[in-house]
Amino acid sequence: MRVLAYELRRLRGLRSTWLLLAAVLLCDAVVAAVLAHQTPAGSLAAPAGVRLLTAAVPLIPLPFAALGAGALGALSYGHEVRYPGLAASQVSYSRRVRLLLAKLMVIGPVAGLLALATLLIDAVAAHLALPAGVVVAAWSEPAVLSVEVSQALSSAGLTGLADLPGALAPVALGAGHGSPSALLAFVVLVVVAGWTGVLTASLTRSAAAGVLLLCALPPLLESGVALLLRQTGTAWPSRAAELLPFQSGVEWAYGWVYGGDRRVAVTGSALTDPVLLAAVVAPAFVLLLVCLLVQVRRRAL
């Protein structure tokens, strides 16, 4: 508990922590508003709503929230390297491992809260910036609501989102069919990015190098997962292609692995497919194992 309190106190005491969080929230809101303002008139489907909520653009390998969480994790470890709390001779292997795990345990919830905050702020910003001719399908058409939202409304005695007060209209952006699972995957993505930032900085002993390595991982991992799914005869999940904020390796993998025909993935597996989950989770465990092994040969964190 002492090492957790130490890490939490250190993270809160860094001015860069608050500046980074504020920058991520501001950039997310601006990007969401710009994307919403460029939305053509008509009905706004669930995939487009998720794109607005996650502020995903094809020019960066990860959403801004995931990049911010990864940078926060990398800075947490990089600051420990530059300004160690203990002398190298006093930091045993067990203490280093406990401190590394404490950083992961602190960064995880912070990254999760950051993801939820960005979703809330982006929903309000996108709703205010939507042109007058755009109608969110989930707000006006109960048939396109997700099963989870429909059940929640039914238990409350409501037939659709239109029965709610107008102030809750931004909720409709994430209430379409498949949107809740995609947004949950987005939150998990941000948490994993925060952990990856800590681990990559641990390997390189540099916050900048850790962030660069974090940005290089998505295209490689996404293409590797696509190859693994291809070897097992499983198509890339259509929901991952439509809703998840992956914009780097997926498009390229479709053109290479599937011969440019995206239609073969329409009937692909679900986001909870065991092969897909194993392929995504395995690199994180490998990275953690490598970090623990590297720490054995070091005398300092």
Protein backbone atom coordinates (compact mmCIF):
# COMPACT_ATOMS: atom_id res chain seq x y z
CA MET A 1 0.00 0.00 0.00
CA ARG A 2 2.87 2.37 0.69
CA VAL A 3 4.25 1.99 -2.82
CA LEU A 4 0.79 2.69 -4.28
CA ALA A 5 0.44 5.81 -2.13
CA TYR A 6 3.93 6.89 -3.18
CA GLU A 7 3.15 6.47 -6.88
CA LEU A 8 -0.22 8.21 -6.62
CA ARG A 9 1.30 11.12 -4.71
CA ARG A 10 4.12 11.39 -7.24
CA LEU A 11 1.76 11.32 -10.21
CA ARG A 12 -0.49 14.00 -8.70
CA GLY A 13 2.49 16.16 -7.84
CA LEU A 14 3.77 16.39 -11.42
CA ARG A 15 2.60 19.48 -13.28
CA SER A 16 3.01 17.61 -16.57
CA THR A 17 0.25 15.20 -15.49
CA TRP A 18 -2.41 17.89 -15.33
CA LEU A 19 -1.14 19.70 -18.42
CA LEU A 20 -1.23 16.46 -20.42
CA LEU A 21 -4.72 15.54 -19.23
CA ALA A 22 -6.02 19.03 -20.05
CA ALA A 23 -4.39 18.93 -23.49
CA VAL A 24 -5.93 15.54 -24.28
CA LEU A 25 -9.42 16.66 -23.25
CA LEU A 26 -9.11 19.90 -25.23
CA CYS A 27 -7.76 18.21 -28.38
CA ASP A 28 -10.43 15.52 -28.20
CA ALA A 29 -13.21 18.07 -27.89
CA VAL A 30 -11.87 20.17 -30.78
CA VAL A 31 -11.43 17.16 -33.08
CA ALA A 32 -14.89 15.81 -32.20
CA ALA A 33 -16.45 19.21 -32.89
CA VAL A 34 -14.65 19.57 -36.23
CA LEU A 35 -15.64 16.06 -37.34
CA ALA A 36 -19.22 16.68 -36.27
CA HIS A 37 -19.36 20.00 -38.13
CA GLN A 38 -18.22 18.21 -41.33
CA THR A 39 -20.94 15.54 -41.05
CA PRO A 40 -23.20 15.57 -44.12
CA ALA A 41 -26.92 16.12 -43.69
CA GLY A 42 -29.07 13.07 -43.11
CA SER A 43 -29.28 10.24 -40.62
CA LEU A 44 -26.20 9.64 -38.44
CA ALA A 45 -25.57 5.90 -38.07
CA ALA A 46 -23.96 4.16 -35.09
CA PRO A 47 -20.44 3.78 -36.59
CA ALA A 48 -20.29 7.50 -37.39
CA GLY A 49 -21.46 8.31 -33.87
CA VAL A 50 -18.69 6.22 -32.35
CA ARG A 51 -16.14 7.93 -34.59
CA LEU A 52 -17.27 11.28 -33.20
CA LEU A 53 -17.21 10.11 -29.58
CA THR A 54 -13.71 8.66 -29.86
CA ALA A 55 -12.39 11.53 -32.05
CA ALA A 56 -10.63 8.96 -34.21
CA VAL A 57 -8.87 10.35 -37.28
CA PRO A 58 -6.88 8.35 -39.86
CA LEU A 59 -3.74 10.46 -39.48
CA ILE A 60 -2.68 9.07 -36.08
CA PRO A 61 -2.16 5.43 -35.05
CA LEU A 62 -4.28 5.75 -31.89
CA PRO A 63 -7.06 8.01 -30.62
CA PHE A 64 -5.94 11.09 -28.69
CA ALA A 65 -7.11 9.60 -25.40
CA ALA A 66 -5.01 6.46 -25.93
CA LEU A 67 -1.98 8.51 -26.95
CA GLY A 68 -2.44 10.70 -23.89
CA ALA A 69 -2.73 7.71 -21.58
CA GLY A 70 0.37 6.15 -23.14
CA ALA A 71 2.32 9.39 -22.80
CA LEU A 72 1.19 9.69 -19.18
CA GLY A 73 2.44 6.18 -18.45
CA ALA A 74 5.73 6.82 -20.22
CA LEU A 75 6.25 10.11 -18.36
CA SER A 76 5.49 8.37 -15.07
CA TYR A 77 8.31 5.91 -15.60
CA GLY A 78 10.62 8.43 -17.28
CA HIS A 79 10.33 10.80 -14.32
CA GLU A 80 11.24 7.93 -11.99
CA VAL A 81 14.37 7.27 -14.05
CA ARG A 82 15.43 10.91 -14.11
CA TYR A 83 14.61 11.63 -10.47
CA PRO A 84 14.80 8.33 -8.57
CA GLY A 85 13.35 8.26 -5.08
CA LEU A 86 16.03 5.86 -3.86
CA ALA A 87 19.66 5.34 -4.68
CA ALA A 88 20.39 2.54 -7.14
CA SER A 89 22.20 0.51 -4.47
CA GLN A 90 19.05 0.53 -2.30
CA VAL A 91 16.60 -0.57 -4.99
CA SER A 92 16.46 -4.35 -4.99
CA TYR A 93 14.77 -6.39 -7.72
CA SER A 94 11.67 -6.98 -5.63
CA ARG A 95 11.30 -3.27 -4.92
CA ARG A 96 11.69 -2.43 -8.58
CA VAL A 97 9.03 -4.96 -9.54
CA ARG A 98 6.65 -3.65 -6.87
CA LEU A 99 7.17 -0.10 -8.10
CA LEU A 100 6.58 -1.14 -11.71
CA LEU A 101 3.36 -2.95 -10.76
CA ALA A 102 2.28 0.06 -8.68
CA LYS A 103 2.72 2.31 -11.70
CA LEU A 104 0.55 -0.06 -13.76
CA MET A 105 -2.10 -0.17 -11.04
CA VAL A 106 -2.23 3.64 -10.82
CA ILE A 107 -2.06 4.39 -14.53
CA GLY A 108 -4.83 1.87 -15.33
CA PRO A 109 -7.67 3.61 -13.42
CA VAL A 110 -6.41 7.05 -14.44
CA ALA A 111 -6.47 6.00 -18.11
CA GLY A 112 -9.97 4.56 -17.67
CA LEU A 113 -11.24 7.79 -16.14
CA LEU A 114 -9.57 9.74 -18.94
CA ALA A 115 -11.37 7.60 -21.54
CA LEU A 116 -14.74 8.14 -19.84
CA ALA A 117 -14.11 11.88 -19.53
CA THR A 118 -13.24 12.18 -23.22
CA LEU A 119 -16.38 10.27 -24.21
CA LEU A 120 -18.53 12.61 -22.11
CA ILE A 121 -16.89 15.81 -23.35
CA ASP A 122 -16.82 14.62 -26.97
CA ALA A 123 -20.52 13.74 -26.81
CA VAL A 124 -21.40 17.29 -25.73
CA ALA A 125 -18.99 18.92 -28.20
CA ALA A 126 -20.16 16.78 -31.12
CA HIS A 127 -23.82 17.32 -30.29
CA LEU A 128 -23.39 21.09 -30.22
CA ALA A 129 -21.39 21.12 -33.47
CA LEU A 130 -23.67 18.87 -35.53
CA PRO A 131 -25.29 20.74 -38.45
CA ALA A 132 -29.02 21.34 -38.34
CA GLY A 133 -29.69 18.81 -41.10
CA VAL A 134 -28.14 15.87 -39.23
CA VAL A 135 -30.43 13.56 -37.27
CA VAL A 136 -28.97 10.97 -34.89
CA ALA A 137 -30.69 7.73 -35.82
CA ALA A 138 -30.61 6.32 -32.29
CA TRP A 139 -32.53 9.34 -30.97
CA SER A 140 -35.40 9.22 -33.44
CA GLU A 141 -35.54 5.50 -34.34
CA PRO A 142 -35.90 3.04 -31.43
CA ALA A 143 -35.33 0.13 -33.85
CA VAL A 144 -31.63 1.01 -34.24
CA LEU A 145 -30.91 1.11 -30.50
CA SER A 146 -28.54 -1.42 -29.02
CA VAL A 147 -29.98 -4.31 -27.03
CA GLU A 148 -28.50 -3.00 -23.78
CA VAL A 149 -30.00 0.47 -24.22
CA SER A 150 -33.38 -0.93 -25.29
CA GLN A 151 -33.55 -3.12 -22.19
CA ALA A 152 -32.60 -0.21 -19.93
CA LEU A 153 -35.28 1.99 -21.47
CA SER A 154 -37.89 -0.77 -21.23
CA SER A 155 -37.15 -1.30 -17.55
CA ALA A 156 -37.69 2.44 -17.02
CA GLY A 157 -41.00 2.36 -18.90
CA LEU A 158 -39.72 4.32 -21.90
CA THR A 159 -40.09 3.42 -25.57
CA GLY A 160 -37.09 5.33 -26.92
CA LEU A 161 -34.48 7.98 -26.27
CA ALA A 162 -36.88 10.66 -27.50
CA ASP A 163 -38.82 10.21 -24.25
CA LEU A 164 -35.81 11.53 -22.32
CA PRO A 165 -35.20 15.23 -21.66
CA GLY A 166 -33.54 17.13 -24.47
CA ALA A 167 -30.48 17.77 -22.32
CA LEU A 168 -29.63 14.05 -22.64
CA ALA A 169 -29.62 14.13 -26.44
CA PRO A 170 -25.81 13.65 -26.66
CA VAL A 171 -26.31 10.15 -25.20
CA ALA A 172 -27.83 9.07 -28.52
CA LEU A 173 -24.41 9.22 -30.22
CA GLY A 174 -23.35 6.12 -28.29
CA ALA A 175 -26.66 4.29 -28.07
CA GLY A 176 -26.86 2.76 -31.53
CA HIS A 177 -26.60 -0.92 -32.35
CA GLY A 178 -23.14 -2.15 -31.40
CA SER A 179 -22.02 1.19 -29.99
CA PRO A 180 -21.84 0.24 -26.27
CA SER A 181 -19.51 -2.70 -26.98
CA ALA A 182 -17.36 -0.53 -29.24
CA LEU A 183 -17.12 2.22 -26.61
CA LEU A 184 -16.23 -0.36 -23.97
CA ALA A 185 -13.50 -1.62 -26.27
CA PHE A 186 -12.33 1.99 -26.63
CA VAL A 187 -12.01 2.34 -22.86
CA VAL A 188 -10.05 -0.92 -22.72
CA LEU A 189 -7.84 0.35 -25.55
CA VAL A 190 -7.01 3.53 -23.61
CA VAL A 191 -6.18 1.54 -20.46
CA VAL A 192 -3.95 -0.87 -22.40
CA ALA A 193 -2.24 2.10 -24.07
CA GLY A 194 -1.48 3.57 -20.64
CA TRP A 195 0.02 0.28 -19.47
CA THR A 196 1.98 -0.04 -22.72
CA GLY A 197 3.43 3.43 -22.22
CA VAL A 198 4.74 2.40 -18.80
CA LEU A 199 6.22 -0.86 -20.13
CA THR A 200 7.82 0.62 -23.26
CA ALA A 201 9.39 3.38 -21.17
CA SER A 202 10.61 0.68 -18.79
CA LEU A 203 12.35 -1.10 -21.66
CA THR A 204 13.95 2.01 -23.14
CA ARG A 205 14.42 3.98 -19.89
CA SER A 206 13.19 7.03 -21.82
CA ALA A 207 9.75 8.60 -21.93
CA ALA A 208 10.21 9.89 -25.48
CA ALA A 209 11.40 6.53 -26.80
CA GLY A 210 8.54 4.82 -24.97
CA VAL A 211 5.95 7.04 -26.66
CA LEU A 212 7.54 6.49 -30.08
CA LEU A 213 7.49 2.73 -29.55
CA LEU A 214 3.86 2.95 -28.46
CA CYS A 215 2.95 4.73 -31.70
CA ALA A 216 4.77 2.08 -33.75
CA LEU A 217 2.99 -0.87 -32.13
CA PRO A 218 -0.59 -0.49 -33.49
CA PRO A 219 0.20 -0.95 -37.20
CA LEU A 220 2.41 -3.93 -36.44
CA LEU A 221 0.01 -5.58 -34.00
CA GLU A 222 -3.10 -5.01 -36.10
CA SER A 223 -1.45 -6.51 -39.17
CA GLY A 224 -0.09 -9.40 -37.12
CA VAL A 225 -3.53 -10.10 -35.66
CA ALA A 226 -5.01 -10.03 -39.17
CA LEU A 227 -2.42 -12.58 -40.30
CA LEU A 228 -3.13 -14.81 -37.31
CA LEU A 229 -6.86 -14.66 -37.95
CA ARG A 230 -6.20 -15.47 -41.60
CA GLN A 231 -4.16 -18.54 -40.65
CA THR A 232 -7.00 -19.78 -38.44
CA GLY A 233 -9.57 -19.19 -41.16
CA THR A 234 -11.31 -16.38 -39.25
CA ALA A 235 -12.14 -13.08 -40.90
CA TRP A 236 -11.49 -9.79 -39.15
CA PRO A 237 -14.60 -8.87 -37.11
CA SER A 238 -16.84 -6.52 -39.00
CA ARG A 239 -17.50 -4.56 -35.79
CA ALA A 240 -13.77 -3.93 -35.39
CA ALA A 241 -13.63 -2.55 -38.91
CA GLU A 242 -16.74 -0.40 -38.53
CA LEU A 243 -16.69 0.84 -34.94
CA LEU A 244 -13.32 0.47 -33.27
CA PRO A 245 -11.04 3.50 -33.62
CA PHE A 246 -8.28 1.54 -35.40
CA GLN A 247 -7.11 3.56 -38.39
CA SER A 248 -3.57 2.39 -39.04
CA GLY A 249 -3.01 -1.25 -39.87
CA VAL A 250 -6.54 -2.46 -40.54
CA GLU A 251 -7.03 -0.84 -43.92
CA TRP A 252 -3.62 -2.02 -45.08
CA ALA A 253 -4.22 -5.51 -43.73
CA TYR A 254 -7.50 -5.76 -45.60
CA GLY A 255 -5.74 -4.96 -48.85
CA TRP A 256 -2.93 -7.45 -48.25
CA VAL A 257 -4.43 -10.33 -46.29
CA TYR A 258 -7.87 -10.28 -47.87
CA GLY A 259 -6.86 -9.20 -51.34
CA GLY A 260 -8.55 -5.84 -51.08
CA ASP A 261 -12.04 -7.31 -50.74
CA ARG A 262 -13.51 -6.04 -47.49
CA ARG A 263 -16.75 -7.92 -48.04
CA VAL A 264 -15.18 -11.14 -46.79
CA ALA A 265 -15.06 -9.62 -43.31
CA VAL A 266 -18.72 -8.68 -43.13
CA THR A 267 -19.60 -12.05 -41.63
CA GLY A 268 -16.46 -12.11 -39.49
CA SER A 269 -16.20 -13.11 -35.86
CA ALA A 270 -17.36 -11.05 -32.90
CA LEU A 271 -15.18 -8.77 -30.80
CA THR A 272 -15.20 -11.48 -28.12
CA ASP A 273 -13.79 -14.16 -30.42
CA PRO A 274 -11.22 -16.16 -28.36
CA VAL A 275 -8.66 -16.10 -31.16
CA LEU A 276 -8.91 -12.33 -31.48
CA LEU A 277 -8.75 -11.76 -27.72
CA ALA A 278 -5.73 -14.05 -27.37
CA ALA A 279 -3.95 -12.32 -30.23
CA VAL A 280 -4.56 -8.87 -28.71
CA VAL A 281 -3.80 -9.76 -25.07
CA ALA A 282 -0.72 -11.91 -25.74
CA PRO A 283 1.58 -9.00 -26.77
CA ALA A 284 0.80 -7.18 -23.51
CA PHE A 285 1.78 -10.20 -21.44
CA VAL A 286 4.92 -10.68 -23.53
CA LEU A 287 5.88 -7.05 -23.01
CA LEU A 288 5.36 -7.34 -19.24
CA LEU A 289 7.43 -10.54 -19.14
CA VAL A 290 10.25 -8.88 -21.08
CA CYS A 291 10.22 -5.93 -18.68
CA LEU A 292 10.48 -8.25 -15.67
CA LEU A 293 13.36 -10.14 -17.25
CA VAL A 294 15.19 -6.94 -18.17
CA GLN A 295 14.88 -5.73 -14.59
CA VAL A 296 16.88 -8.75 -13.44
CA ARG A 297 19.99 -7.46 -15.20
CA ARG A 298 19.60 -3.87 -14.02
CA ARG A 299 20.78 -2.25 -10.83
CA ALA A 300 18.33 0.63 -11.04
CA LEU A 301 14.77 1.10 -12.17
